[in-house]
Amino acid sequence: MARNLTVVLEDQPGSLAEMGEVLGKAGINIDGLCGFPCEGKGVIHILVEDAPPARKVLEDAGIEVKGDRPVLVLDVSDRPGVVGGICRSIADAGVNIDLIYVATNTRIVLGVSDLEKARSVI
């Protein structure tokens, strides 16, 4: 099952490159990625298929992994209204979305308050 790792990096040149290199050398593919600066740090969300080895190689390299959670990964059509429709269905079920980003192969990644309930309405 795909999981989202939340990684905290120094907000400086080379931090993101190091993270990618560490994972690449370990043969771990990044299937999705988003990031933003926050209080002098870079908060990065990465989608990986096998989280334990990804977490281990990152932490062994001195890179902080702040979180690890299951996420909903959906294949979507690249056309107007698709994301809105998916989000509306989830919202109407009373489920909160607290994370969203695009992954490879026209997929979206959703962090939700109730994974099973969100799955049931999609």
PDB file of N, CA and C in Angstrom:
ATOM      1  N   MET A   1       0.847  -1.186   0.000  1.00  0.00           N
ATOM      2  CA  MET A   1       0.000   0.000   0.000  1.00  0.00           C
ATOM      3  C   MET A   1       0.887   1.242   0.000  1.00  0.00           C
ATOM      4  N   ALA A   2       0.511   2.201  -0.804  1.00  0.00           N
ATOM      5  CA  ALA A   2       1.257   3.455  -0.892  1.00  0.00           C
ATOM      6  C   ALA A   2       1.096   4.236   0.406  1.00  0.00           C
ATOM      7  N   ARG A   3       2.200   4.866   0.795  1.00  0.00           N
ATOM      8  CA  ARG A   3       2.204   5.660   2.019  1.00  0.00           C
ATOM      9  C   ARG A   3       2.862   7.003   1.756  1.00  0.00           C
ATOM     10  N   ASN A   4       2.448   7.977   2.531  1.00  0.00           N
ATOM     11  CA  ASN A   4       3.035   9.307   2.481  1.00  0.00           C
ATOM     12  C   ASN A   4       4.008   9.452   3.634  1.00  0.00           C
ATOM     13  N   LEU A   5       5.241   9.799   3.321  1.00  0.00           N
ATOM     14  CA  LEU A   5       6.218  10.142   4.341  1.00  0.00           C
ATOM     15  C   LEU A   5       6.349  11.658   4.375  1.00  0.00           C
ATOM     16  N   THR A   6       6.318  12.226   5.556  1.00  0.00           N
ATOM     17  CA  THR A   6       6.558  13.652   5.722  1.00  0.00           C
ATOM     18  C   THR A   6       7.999  13.808   6.187  1.00  0.00           C
ATOM     19  N   VAL A   7       8.778  14.481   5.371  1.00  0.00           N
ATOM     20  CA  VAL A   7      10.203  14.645   5.601  1.00  0.00           C
ATOM     21  C   VAL A   7      10.477  16.122   5.872  1.00  0.00           C
ATOM     22  N   VAL A   8      11.344  16.390   6.844  1.00  0.00           N
ATOM     23  CA  VAL A   8      11.705  17.767   7.159  1.00  0.00           C
ATOM     24  C   VAL A   8      13.171  17.965   6.789  1.00  0.00           C
ATOM     25  N   LEU A   9      13.407  18.931   5.912  1.00  0.00           N
ATOM     26  CA  LEU A   9      14.747  19.240   5.433  1.00  0.00           C
ATOM     27  C   LEU A   9      15.136  20.657   5.831  1.00  0.00           C
ATOM     28  N   GLU A  10      16.423  20.925   5.812  1.00  0.00           N
ATOM     29  CA  GLU A  10      16.873  22.307   5.949  1.00  0.00           C
ATOM     30  C   GLU A  10      16.464  23.039   4.672  1.00  0.00           C
ATOM     31  N   ASP A  11      16.018  24.267   4.807  1.00  0.00           N
ATOM     32  CA  ASP A  11      15.616  25.073   3.653  1.00  0.00           C
ATOM     33  C   ASP A  11      16.867  25.729   3.068  1.00  0.00           C
ATOM     34  N   GLN A  12      17.650  24.915   2.352  1.00  0.00           N
ATOM     35  CA  GLN A  12      18.908  25.393   1.776  1.00  0.00           C
ATOM     36  C   GLN A  12      19.237  24.569   0.535  1.00  0.00           C
ATOM     37  N   PRO A  13      20.086  25.105  -0.333  1.00  0.00           N
ATOM     38  CA  PRO A  13      20.460  24.389  -1.550  1.00  0.00           C
ATOM     39  C   PRO A  13      21.071  23.016  -1.239  1.00  0.00           C
ATOM     40  N   GLY A  14      20.619  22.013  -1.942  1.00  0.00           N
ATOM     41  CA  GLY A  14      21.178  20.672  -1.833  1.00  0.00           C
ATOM     42  C   GLY A  14      20.412  19.712  -0.942  1.00  0.00           C
ATOM     43  N   SER A  15      19.547  20.220  -0.062  1.00  0.00           N
ATOM     44  CA  SER A  15      18.806  19.336   0.853  1.00  0.00           C
ATOM     45  C   SER A  15      17.899  18.373   0.104  1.00  0.00           C
ATOM     46  N   LEU A  16      17.152  18.914  -0.828  1.00  0.00           N
ATOM     47  CA  LEU A  16      16.230  18.084  -1.599  1.00  0.00           C
ATOM     48  C   LEU A  16      16.996  17.114  -2.492  1.00  0.00           C
ATOM     49  N   ALA A  17      18.098  17.579  -3.052  1.00  0.00           N
ATOM     50  CA  ALA A  17      18.939  16.698  -3.875  1.00  0.00           C
ATOM     51  C   ALA A  17      19.445  15.528  -3.047  1.00  0.00           C
ATOM     52  N   GLU A  18      19.900  15.806  -1.824  1.00  0.00           N
ATOM     53  CA  GLU A  18      20.402  14.739  -0.959  1.00  0.00           C
ATOM     54  C   GLU A  18      19.307  13.705  -0.683  1.00  0.00           C
ATOM     55  N   MET A  19      18.098  14.177  -0.374  1.00  0.00           N
ATOM     56  CA  MET A  19      16.996  13.259  -0.107  1.00  0.00           C
ATOM     57  C   MET A  19      16.754  12.346  -1.308  1.00  0.00           C
ATOM     58  N   GLY A  20      16.686  12.937  -2.500  1.00  0.00           N
ATOM     59  CA  GLY A  20      16.461  12.159  -3.711  1.00  0.00           C
ATOM     60  C   GLY A  20      17.586  11.178  -3.994  1.00  0.00           C
ATOM     61  N   GLU A  21      18.810  11.608  -3.753  1.00  0.00           N
ATOM     62  CA  GLU A  21      19.971  10.738  -3.991  1.00  0.00           C
ATOM     63  C   GLU A  21      19.987   9.561  -3.023  1.00  0.00           C
ATOM     64  N   VAL A  22      19.685   9.814  -1.756  1.00  0.00           N
ATOM     65  CA  VAL A  22      19.664   8.756  -0.747  1.00  0.00           C
ATOM     66  C   VAL A  22      18.635   7.685  -1.130  1.00  0.00           C
ATOM     67  N   LEU A  23      17.443   8.132  -1.495  1.00  0.00           N
ATOM     68  CA  LEU A  23      16.407   7.181  -1.884  1.00  0.00           C
ATOM     69  C   LEU A  23      16.779   6.451  -3.172  1.00  0.00           C
ATOM     70  N   GLY A  24      17.306   7.192  -4.133  1.00  0.00           N
ATOM     71  CA  GLY A  24      17.693   6.586  -5.412  1.00  0.00           C
ATOM     72  C   GLY A  24      18.768   5.531  -5.257  1.00  0.00           C
ATOM     73  N   LYS A  25      19.786   5.813  -4.446  1.00  0.00           N
ATOM     74  CA  LYS A  25      20.865   4.842  -4.217  1.00  0.00           C
ATOM     75  C   LYS A  25      20.340   3.573  -3.566  1.00  0.00           C
ATOM     76  N   ALA A  26      19.270   3.690  -2.789  1.00  0.00           N
ATOM     77  CA  ALA A  26      18.665   2.530  -2.135  1.00  0.00           C
ATOM     78  C   ALA A  26      17.656   1.825  -3.047  1.00  0.00           C
ATOM     79  N   GLY A  27      17.458   2.343  -4.257  1.00  0.00           N
ATOM     80  CA  GLY A  27      16.510   1.734  -5.192  1.00  0.00           C
ATOM     81  C   GLY A  27      15.058   2.014  -4.870  1.00  0.00           C
ATOM     82  N   ILE A  28      14.808   3.080  -4.120  1.00  0.00           N
ATOM     83  CA  ILE A  28      13.442   3.440  -3.723  1.00  0.00           C
ATOM     84  C   ILE A  28      12.936   4.543  -4.637  1.00  0.00           C
ATOM     85  N   ASN A  29      11.825   4.280  -5.296  1.00  0.00           N
ATOM     86  CA  ASN A  29      11.237   5.236  -6.222  1.00  0.00           C
ATOM     87  C   ASN A  29      10.310   6.207  -5.487  1.00  0.00           C
ATOM     88  N   ILE A  30      10.360   7.456  -5.880  1.00  0.00           N
ATOM     89  CA  ILE A  30       9.422   8.462  -5.389  1.00  0.00           C
ATOM     90  C   ILE A  30       8.285   8.523  -6.405  1.00  0.00           C
ATOM     91  N   ASP A  31       7.081   8.100  -5.975  1.00  0.00           N
ATOM     92  CA  ASP A  31       5.935   8.052  -6.878  1.00  0.00           C
ATOM     93  C   ASP A  31       5.149   9.355  -6.917  1.00  0.00           C
ATOM     94  N   GLY A  32       5.350  10.206  -5.942  1.00  0.00           N
ATOM     95  CA  GLY A  32       4.692  11.505  -5.877  1.00  0.00           C
ATOM     96  C   GLY A  32       5.453  12.376  -4.904  1.00  0.00           C
ATOM     97  N   LEU A  33       5.306  13.692  -5.071  1.00  0.00           N
ATOM     98  CA  LEU A  33       6.119  14.597  -4.259  1.00  0.00           C
ATOM     99  C   LEU A  33       5.500  15.983  -4.239  1.00  0.00           C
ATOM    100  N   CYS A  34       5.518  16.605  -3.071  1.00  0.00           N
ATOM    101  CA  CYS A  34       5.208  18.027  -2.974  1.00  0.00           C
ATOM    102  C   CYS A  34       5.982  18.576  -1.793  1.00  0.00           C
ATOM    103  N   GLY A  35       6.218  19.860  -1.777  1.00  0.00           N
ATOM    104  CA  GLY A  35       6.968  20.446  -0.684  1.00  0.00           C
ATOM    105  C   GLY A  35       6.733  21.935  -0.597  1.00  0.00           C
ATOM    106  N   PHE A  36       7.050  22.480   0.571  1.00  0.00           N
ATOM    107  CA  PHE A  36       6.890  23.904   0.794  1.00  0.00           C
ATOM    108  C   PHE A  36       7.774  24.326   1.962  1.00  0.00           C
ATOM    109  N   PRO A  37       8.183  25.593   1.991  1.00  0.00           N
ATOM    110  CA  PRO A  37       8.963  26.075   3.131  1.00  0.00           C
ATOM    111  C   PRO A  37       8.045  26.367   4.320  1.00  0.00           C
ATOM    112  N   CYS A  38       8.575  26.140   5.525  1.00  0.00           N
ATOM    113  CA  CYS A  38       7.800  26.419   6.736  1.00  0.00           C
ATOM    114  C   CYS A  38       8.767  26.675   7.877  1.00  0.00           C
ATOM    115  N   GLU A  39       8.806  27.914   8.352  1.00  0.00           N
ATOM    116  CA  GLU A  39       9.624  28.298   9.498  1.00  0.00           C
ATOM    117  C   GLU A  39      11.090  27.882   9.343  1.00  0.00           C
ATOM    118  N   GLY A  40      11.670  28.176   8.188  1.00  0.00           N
ATOM    119  CA  GLY A  40      13.081  27.903   7.955  1.00  0.00           C
ATOM    120  C   GLY A  40      13.413  26.473   7.583  1.00  0.00           C
ATOM    121  N   LYS A  41      12.416  25.644   7.428  1.00  0.00           N
ATOM    122  CA  LYS A  41      12.600  24.244   7.041  1.00  0.00           C
ATOM    123  C   LYS A  41      11.861  23.991   5.742  1.00  0.00           C
ATOM    124  N   GLY A  42      12.170  22.887   5.099  1.00  0.00           N
ATOM    125  CA  GLY A  42      11.412  22.432   3.942  1.00  0.00           C
ATOM    126  C   GLY A  42      10.597  21.225   4.363  1.00  0.00           C
ATOM    127  N   VAL A  43       9.282  21.308   4.237  1.00  0.00           N
ATOM    128  CA  VAL A  43       8.407  20.188   4.557  1.00  0.00           C
ATOM    129  C   VAL A  43       8.069  19.500   3.241  1.00  0.00           C
ATOM    130  N   ILE A  44       8.471  18.245   3.141  1.00  0.00           N
ATOM    131  CA  ILE A  44       8.332  17.489   1.904  1.00  0.00           C
ATOM    132  C   ILE A  44       7.425  16.291   2.156  1.00  0.00           C
ATOM    133  N   HIS A  45       6.477  16.083   1.254  1.00  0.00           N
ATOM    134  CA  HIS A  45       5.630  14.884   1.295  1.00  0.00           C
ATOM    135  C   HIS A  45       6.042  14.020   0.115  1.00  0.00           C
ATOM    136  N   ILE A  46       6.380  12.760   0.405  1.00  0.00           N
ATOM    137  CA  ILE A  46       6.732  11.847  -0.678  1.00  0.00           C
ATOM    138  C   ILE A  46       5.845  10.611  -0.609  1.00  0.00           C
ATOM    139  N   LEU A  47       5.454  10.148  -1.767  1.00  0.00           N
ATOM    140  CA  LEU A  47       4.661   8.933  -1.905  1.00  0.00           C
ATOM    141  C   LEU A  47       5.605   7.797  -2.256  1.00  0.00           C
ATOM    142  N   VAL A  48       5.585   6.752  -1.435  1.00  0.00           N
ATOM    143  CA  VAL A  48       6.418   5.579  -1.680  1.00  0.00           C
ATOM    144  C   VAL A  48       5.570   4.326  -1.498  1.00  0.00           C
ATOM    145  N   GLU A  49       5.956   3.261  -2.169  1.00  0.00           N
ATOM    146  CA  GLU A  49       5.233   2.000  -2.044  1.00  0.00           C
ATOM    147  C   GLU A  49       5.616   1.246  -0.782  1.00  0.00           C
ATOM    148  N   ASP A  50       6.859   1.307  -0.394  1.00  0.00           N
ATOM    149  CA  ASP A  50       7.339   0.543   0.751  1.00  0.00           C
ATOM    150  C   ASP A  50       7.997   1.500   1.743  1.00  0.00           C
ATOM    151  N   ALA A  51       7.224   1.961   2.703  1.00  0.00           N
ATOM    152  CA  ALA A  51       7.683   3.013   3.604  1.00  0.00           C
ATOM    153  C   ALA A  51       8.801   2.605   4.569  1.00  0.00           C
ATOM    154  N   PRO A  52       8.775   1.418   5.181  1.00  0.00           N
ATOM    155  CA  PRO A  52       9.836   1.125   6.169  1.00  0.00           C
ATOM    156  C   PRO A  52      11.264   1.253   5.634  1.00  0.00           C
ATOM    157  N   PRO A  53      11.597   0.683   4.463  1.00  0.00           N
ATOM    158  CA  PRO A  53      12.968   0.878   3.991  1.00  0.00           C
ATOM    159  C   PRO A  53      13.266   2.331   3.614  1.00  0.00           C
ATOM    160  N   ALA A  54      12.270   3.041   3.081  1.00  0.00           N
ATOM    161  CA  ALA A  54      12.475   4.457   2.736  1.00  0.00           C
ATOM    162  C   ALA A  54      12.773   5.250   4.000  1.00  0.00           C
ATOM    163  N   ARG A  55      11.994   5.018   5.013  1.00  0.00           N
ATOM    164  CA  ARG A  55      12.201   5.722   6.280  1.00  0.00           C
ATOM    165  C   ARG A  55      13.584   5.415   6.847  1.00  0.00           C
ATOM    166  N   LYS A  56      13.975   4.149   6.808  1.00  0.00           N
ATOM    167  CA  LYS A  56      15.256   3.750   7.371  1.00  0.00           C
ATOM    168  C   LYS A  56      16.429   4.420   6.659  1.00  0.00           C
ATOM    169  N   VAL A  57      16.430   4.404   5.328  1.00  0.00           N
ATOM    170  CA  VAL A  57      17.576   4.999   4.620  1.00  0.00           C
ATOM    171  C   VAL A  57      17.630   6.508   4.834  1.00  0.00           C
ATOM    172  N   LEU A  58      16.466   7.144   4.910  1.00  0.00           N
ATOM    173  CA  LEU A  58      16.450   8.580   5.173  1.00  0.00           C
ATOM    174  C   LEU A  58      16.996   8.880   6.568  1.00  0.00           C
ATOM    175  N   GLU A  59      16.492   8.169   7.559  1.00  0.00           N
ATOM    176  CA  GLU A  59      16.938   8.421   8.927  1.00  0.00           C
ATOM    177  C   GLU A  59      18.413   8.061   9.108  1.00  0.00           C
ATOM    178  N   ASP A  60      18.864   6.997   8.453  1.00  0.00           N
ATOM    179  CA  ASP A  60      20.284   6.633   8.519  1.00  0.00           C
ATOM    180  C   ASP A  60      21.173   7.726   7.926  1.00  0.00           C
ATOM    181  N   ALA A  61      20.613   8.495   6.979  1.00  0.00           N
ATOM    182  CA  ALA A  61      21.353   9.605   6.364  1.00  0.00           C
ATOM    183  C   ALA A  61      21.204  10.900   7.167  1.00  0.00           C
ATOM    184  N   GLY A  62      20.521  10.827   8.302  1.00  0.00           N
ATOM    185  CA  GLY A  62      20.350  12.015   9.135  1.00  0.00           C
ATOM    186  C   GLY A  62      19.215  12.916   8.695  1.00  0.00           C
ATOM    187  N   ILE A  63      18.314  12.384   7.862  1.00  0.00           N
ATOM    188  CA  ILE A  63      17.169  13.154   7.360  1.00  0.00           C
ATOM    189  C   ILE A  63      15.954  12.816   8.227  1.00  0.00           C
ATOM    190  N   GLU A  64      15.312  13.855   8.753  1.00  0.00           N
ATOM    191  CA  GLU A  64      14.179  13.663   9.659  1.00  0.00           C
ATOM    192  C   GLU A  64      12.916  13.239   8.908  1.00  0.00           C
ATOM    193  N   VAL A  65      12.342  12.136   9.338  1.00  0.00           N
ATOM    194  CA  VAL A  65      11.036  11.697   8.841  1.00  0.00           C
ATOM    195  C   VAL A  65      10.057  11.954   9.976  1.00  0.00           C
ATOM    196  N   LYS A  66       9.204  12.940   9.765  1.00  0.00           N
ATOM    197  CA  LYS A  66       8.304  13.391  10.823  1.00  0.00           C
ATOM    198  C   LYS A  66       6.993  12.604  10.856  1.00  0.00           C
ATOM    199  N   GLY A  67       6.632  11.999   9.730  1.00  0.00           N
ATOM    200  CA  GLY A  67       5.367  11.276   9.690  1.00  0.00           C
ATOM    201  C   GLY A  67       5.345  10.203   8.622  1.00  0.00           C
ATOM    202  N   ASP A  68       4.458   9.251   8.819  1.00  0.00           N
ATOM    203  CA  ASP A  68       4.266   8.127   7.906  1.00  0.00           C
ATOM    204  C   ASP A  68       2.800   7.751   8.014  1.00  0.00           C
ATOM    205  N   ARG A  69       2.070   7.873   6.920  1.00  0.00           N
ATOM    206  CA  ARG A  69       0.643   7.571   6.986  1.00  0.00           C
ATOM    207  C   ARG A  69       0.144   6.955   5.693  1.00  0.00           C
ATOM    208  N   PRO A  70      -0.883   6.123   5.788  1.00  0.00           N
ATOM    209  CA  PRO A  70      -1.510   5.613   4.577  1.00  0.00           C
ATOM    210  C   PRO A  70      -2.282   6.745   3.910  1.00  0.00           C
ATOM    211  N   VAL A  71      -2.335   6.717   2.604  1.00  0.00           N
ATOM    212  CA  VAL A  71      -3.053   7.735   1.843  1.00  0.00           C
ATOM    213  C   VAL A  71      -3.890   7.069   0.762  1.00  0.00           C
ATOM    214  N   LEU A  72      -4.840   7.812   0.276  1.00  0.00           N
ATOM    215  CA  LEU A  72      -5.675   7.380  -0.835  1.00  0.00           C
ATOM    216  C   LEU A  72      -5.011   7.852  -2.114  1.00  0.00           C
ATOM    217  N   VAL A  73      -4.750   6.937  -3.031  1.00  0.00           N
ATOM    218  CA  VAL A  73      -4.125   7.286  -4.309  1.00  0.00           C
ATOM    219  C   VAL A  73      -5.116   6.910  -5.404  1.00  0.00           C
ATOM    220  N   LEU A  74      -5.512   7.904  -6.184  1.00  0.00           N
ATOM    221  CA  LEU A  74      -6.549   7.701  -7.196  1.00  0.00           C
ATOM    222  C   LEU A  74      -6.044   8.010  -8.597  1.00  0.00           C
ATOM    223  N   ASP A  75      -6.308   7.110  -9.527  1.00  0.00           N
ATOM    224  CA  ASP A  75      -6.087   7.408 -10.939  1.00  0.00           C
ATOM    225  C   ASP A  75      -7.185   8.368 -11.366  1.00  0.00           C
ATOM    226  N   VAL A  76      -6.805   9.447 -12.026  1.00  0.00           N
ATOM    227  CA  VAL A  76      -7.794  10.446 -12.436  1.00  0.00           C
ATOM    228  C   VAL A  76      -7.610  10.814 -13.902  1.00  0.00           C
ATOM    229  N   SER A  77      -8.665  11.315 -14.485  1.00  0.00           N
ATOM    230  CA  SER A  77      -8.597  11.868 -15.837  1.00  0.00           C
ATOM    231  C   SER A  77      -8.080  13.294 -15.738  1.00  0.00           C
ATOM    232  N   ASP A  78      -7.290  13.692 -16.708  1.00  0.00           N
ATOM    233  CA  ASP A  78      -6.751  15.050 -16.738  1.00  0.00           C
ATOM    234  C   ASP A  78      -7.735  15.943 -17.479  1.00  0.00           C
ATOM    235  N   ARG A  79      -8.769  16.357 -16.739  1.00  0.00           N
ATOM    236  CA  ARG A  79      -9.778  17.233 -17.335  1.00  0.00           C
ATOM    237  C   ARG A  79     -10.429  18.081 -16.251  1.00  0.00           C
ATOM    238  N   PRO A  80     -10.982  19.218 -16.630  1.00  0.00           N
ATOM    239  CA  PRO A  80     -11.577  20.120 -15.646  1.00  0.00           C
ATOM    240  C   PRO A  80     -12.690  19.463 -14.829  1.00  0.00           C
ATOM    241  N   GLY A  81     -12.703  19.737 -13.556  1.00  0.00           N
ATOM    242  CA  GLY A  81     -13.778  19.289 -12.685  1.00  0.00           C
ATOM    243  C   GLY A  81     -13.552  17.973 -11.973  1.00  0.00           C
ATOM    244  N   VAL A  82     -12.559  17.210 -12.382  1.00  0.00           N
ATOM    245  CA  VAL A  82     -12.347  15.888 -11.789  1.00  0.00           C
ATOM    246  C   VAL A  82     -12.001  16.006 -10.306  1.00  0.00           C
ATOM    247  N   VAL A  83     -11.038  16.837  -9.971  1.00  0.00           N
ATOM    248  CA  VAL A  83     -10.629  16.984  -8.571  1.00  0.00           C
ATOM    249  C   VAL A  83     -11.785  17.529  -7.738  1.00  0.00           C
ATOM    250  N   GLY A  84     -12.499  18.495  -8.262  1.00  0.00           N
ATOM    251  CA  GLY A  84     -13.644  19.043  -7.540  1.00  0.00           C
ATOM    252  C   GLY A  84     -14.696  17.994  -7.251  1.00  0.00           C
ATOM    253  N   GLY A  85     -14.974  17.136  -8.219  1.00  0.00           N
ATOM    254  CA  GLY A  85     -15.964  16.073  -8.028  1.00  0.00           C
ATOM    255  C   GLY A  85     -15.540  15.067  -6.970  1.00  0.00           C
ATOM    256  N   ILE A  86     -14.281  14.678  -7.011  1.00  0.00           N
ATOM    257  CA  ILE A  86     -13.762  13.730  -6.017  1.00  0.00           C
ATOM    258  C   ILE A  86     -13.819  14.354  -4.628  1.00  0.00           C
ATOM    259  N   CYS A  87     -13.358  15.587  -4.525  1.00  0.00           N
ATOM    260  CA  CYS A  87     -13.347  16.262  -3.229  1.00  0.00           C
ATOM    261  C   CYS A  87     -14.761  16.490  -2.701  1.00  0.00           C
ATOM    262  N   ARG A  88     -15.700  16.782  -3.581  1.00  0.00           N
ATOM    263  CA  ARG A  88     -17.091  16.970  -3.160  1.00  0.00           C
ATOM    264  C   ARG A  88     -17.663  15.674  -2.607  1.00  0.00           C
ATOM    265  N   SER A  89     -17.403  14.550  -3.272  1.00  0.00           N
ATOM    266  CA  SER A  89     -17.903  13.256  -2.783  1.00  0.00           C
ATOM    267  C   SER A  89     -17.355  12.951  -1.391  1.00  0.00           C
ATOM    268  N   ILE A  90     -16.096  13.211  -1.203  1.00  0.00           N
ATOM    269  CA  ILE A  90     -15.466  12.954   0.094  1.00  0.00           C
ATOM    270  C   ILE A  90     -16.023  13.898   1.151  1.00  0.00           C
ATOM    271  N   ALA A  91     -16.162  15.171   0.810  1.00  0.00           N
ATOM    272  CA  ALA A  91     -16.714  16.158   1.754  1.00  0.00           C
ATOM    273  C   ALA A  91     -18.149  15.818   2.138  1.00  0.00           C
ATOM    274  N   ASP A  92     -18.948  15.420   1.153  1.00  0.00           N
ATOM    275  CA  ASP A  92     -20.348  15.074   1.427  1.00  0.00           C
ATOM    276  C   ASP A  92     -20.469  13.865   2.352  1.00  0.00           C
ATOM    277  N   ALA A  93     -19.420  13.044   2.403  1.00  0.00           N
ATOM    278  CA  ALA A  93     -19.402  11.892   3.314  1.00  0.00           C
ATOM    279  C   ALA A  93     -18.920  12.297   4.710  1.00  0.00           C
ATOM    280  N   GLY A  94     -18.601  13.594   4.889  1.00  0.00           N
ATOM    281  CA  GLY A  94     -18.168  14.087   6.191  1.00  0.00           C
ATOM    282  C   GLY A  94     -16.709  13.805   6.500  1.00  0.00           C
ATOM    283  N   VAL A  95     -15.928  13.561   5.451  1.00  0.00           N
ATOM    284  CA  VAL A  95     -14.509  13.248   5.624  1.00  0.00           C
ATOM    285  C   VAL A  95     -13.685  14.482   5.254  1.00  0.00           C
ATOM    286  N   ASN A  96     -12.733  14.819   6.112  1.00  0.00           N
ATOM    287  CA  ASN A  96     -11.873  15.968   5.859  1.00  0.00           C
ATOM    288  C   ASN A  96     -10.649  15.548   5.053  1.00  0.00           C
ATOM    289  N   ILE A  97     -10.268  16.384   4.094  1.00  0.00           N
ATOM    290  CA  ILE A  97      -9.025  16.196   3.329  1.00  0.00           C
ATOM    291  C   ILE A  97      -8.011  17.172   3.894  1.00  0.00           C
ATOM    292  N   ASP A  98      -6.878  16.639   4.382  1.00  0.00           N
ATOM    293  CA  ASP A  98      -5.862  17.524   4.943  1.00  0.00           C
ATOM    294  C   ASP A  98      -4.554  17.494   4.164  1.00  0.00           C
ATOM    295  N   LEU A  99      -4.546  16.759   3.061  1.00  0.00           N
ATOM    296  CA  LEU A  99      -3.352  16.678   2.213  1.00  0.00           C
ATOM    297  C   LEU A  99      -3.788  16.297   0.807  1.00  0.00           C
ATOM    298  N   ILE A 100      -3.249  16.991  -0.190  1.00  0.00           N
ATOM    299  CA  ILE A 100      -3.517  16.630  -1.580  1.00  0.00           C
ATOM    300  C   ILE A 100      -2.313  17.032  -2.423  1.00  0.00           C
ATOM    301  N   TYR A 101      -1.897  16.144  -3.293  1.00  0.00           N
ATOM    302  CA  TYR A 101      -0.868  16.474  -4.271  1.00  0.00           C
ATOM    303  C   TYR A 101      -0.954  15.519  -5.444  1.00  0.00           C
ATOM    304  N   VAL A 102      -0.260  15.854  -6.501  1.00  0.00           N
ATOM    305  CA  VAL A 102      -0.278  15.065  -7.731  1.00  0.00           C
ATOM    306  C   VAL A 102       0.886  14.085  -7.702  1.00  0.00           C
ATOM    307  N   ALA A 103       0.629  12.878  -8.179  1.00  0.00           N
ATOM    308  CA  ALA A 103       1.656  11.843  -8.276  1.00  0.00           C
ATOM    309  C   ALA A 103       1.854  11.492  -9.747  1.00  0.00           C
ATOM    310  N   THR A 104       2.809  10.624  -9.996  1.00  0.00           N
ATOM    311  CA  THR A 104       3.083  10.187 -11.367  1.00  0.00           C
ATOM    312  C   THR A 104       1.873   9.482 -11.967  1.00  0.00           C
ATOM    313  N   ASN A 105       1.851   9.429 -13.291  1.00  0.00           N
ATOM    314  CA  ASN A 105       0.814   8.691 -14.036  1.00  0.00           C
ATOM    315  C   ASN A 105      -0.598   9.201 -13.788  1.00  0.00           C
ATOM    316  N   THR A 106      -0.770  10.500 -13.725  1.00  0.00           N
ATOM    317  CA  THR A 106      -2.080  11.147 -13.567  1.00  0.00           C
ATOM    318  C   THR A 106      -2.849  10.581 -12.377  1.00  0.00           C
ATOM    319  N   ARG A 107      -2.227  10.661 -11.224  1.00  0.00           N
ATOM    320  CA  ARG A 107      -2.860  10.231  -9.980  1.00  0.00           C
ATOM    321  C   ARG A 107      -2.837  11.382  -8.989  1.00  0.00           C
ATOM    322  N   ILE A 108      -3.804  11.369  -8.078  1.00  0.00           N
ATOM    323  CA  ILE A 108      -3.768  12.318  -6.970  1.00  0.00           C
ATOM    324  C   ILE A 108      -3.644  11.541  -5.662  1.00  0.00           C
ATOM    325  N   VAL A 109      -2.996  12.171  -4.724  1.00  0.00           N
ATOM    326  CA  VAL A 109      -2.767  11.596  -3.405  1.00  0.00           C
ATOM    327  C   VAL A 109      -3.586  12.415  -2.413  1.00  0.00           C
ATOM    328  N   LEU A 110      -4.365  11.726  -1.606  1.00  0.00           N
ATOM    329  CA  LEU A 110      -5.206  12.403  -0.626  1.00  0.00           C
ATOM    330  C   LEU A 110      -4.942  11.852   0.765  1.00  0.00           C
ATOM    331  N   GLY A 111      -4.662  12.746   1.688  1.00  0.00           N
ATOM    332  CA  GLY A 111      -4.635  12.405   3.105  1.00  0.00           C
ATOM    333  C   GLY A 111      -5.985  12.792   3.665  1.00  0.00           C
ATOM    334  N   VAL A 112      -6.650  11.851   4.286  1.00  0.00           N
ATOM    335  CA  VAL A 112      -8.022  12.082   4.747  1.00  0.00           C
ATOM    336  C   VAL A 112      -8.192  11.643   6.200  1.00  0.00           C
ATOM    337  N   SER A 113      -9.231  12.178   6.833  1.00  0.00           N
ATOM    338  CA  SER A 113      -9.500  11.863   8.234  1.00  0.00           C
ATOM    339  C   SER A 113     -10.055  10.460   8.438  1.00  0.00           C
ATOM    340  N   ASP A 114     -10.664   9.882   7.407  1.00  0.00           N
ATOM    341  CA  ASP A 114     -11.220   8.523   7.500  1.00  0.00           C
ATOM    342  C   ASP A 114     -11.002   7.842   6.146  1.00  0.00           C
ATOM    343  N   LEU A 115      -9.924   7.078   6.072  1.00  0.00           N
ATOM    344  CA  LEU A 115      -9.512   6.461   4.808  1.00  0.00           C
ATOM    345  C   LEU A 115     -10.575   5.510   4.258  1.00  0.00           C
ATOM    346  N   GLU A 116     -11.121   4.667   5.094  1.00  0.00           N
ATOM    347  CA  GLU A 116     -12.106   3.669   4.620  1.00  0.00           C
ATOM    348  C   GLU A 116     -13.388   4.340   4.137  1.00  0.00           C
ATOM    349  N   LYS A 117     -13.844   5.342   4.854  1.00  0.00           N
ATOM    350  CA  LYS A 117     -15.058   6.053   4.444  1.00  0.00           C
ATOM    351  C   LYS A 117     -14.832   6.784   3.123  1.00  0.00           C
ATOM    352  N   ALA A 118     -13.666   7.397   2.957  1.00  0.00           N
ATOM    353  CA  ALA A 118     -13.360   8.084   1.713  1.00  0.00           C
ATOM    354  C   ALA A 118     -13.314   7.088   0.557  1.00  0.00           C
ATOM    355  N   ARG A 119     -12.673   5.947   0.774  1.00  0.00           N
ATOM    356  CA  ARG A 119     -12.624   4.905  -0.272  1.00  0.00           C
ATOM    357  C   ARG A 119     -14.022   4.464  -0.687  1.00  0.00           C
ATOM    358  N   SER A 120     -14.915   4.371   0.273  1.00  0.00           N
ATOM    359  CA  SER A 120     -16.253   3.857  -0.013  1.00  0.00           C
ATOM    360  C   SER A 120     -17.092   4.791  -0.880  1.00  0.00           C
ATOM    361  N   VAL A 121     -16.737   6.077  -0.926  1.00  0.00           N
ATOM    362  CA  VAL A 121     -17.542   7.014  -1.716  1.00  0.00           C
ATOM    363  C   VAL A 121     -16.892   7.367  -3.059  1.00  0.00           C
ATOM    364  N   ILE A 122     -15.728   6.857  -3.301  1.00  0.00           N
ATOM    365  CA  ILE A 122     -15.049   7.141  -4.580  1.00  0.00           C
ATOM    366  C   ILE A 122     -15.316   6.038  -5.569  1.00  0.00           C
TER     367      ILE A 122
END
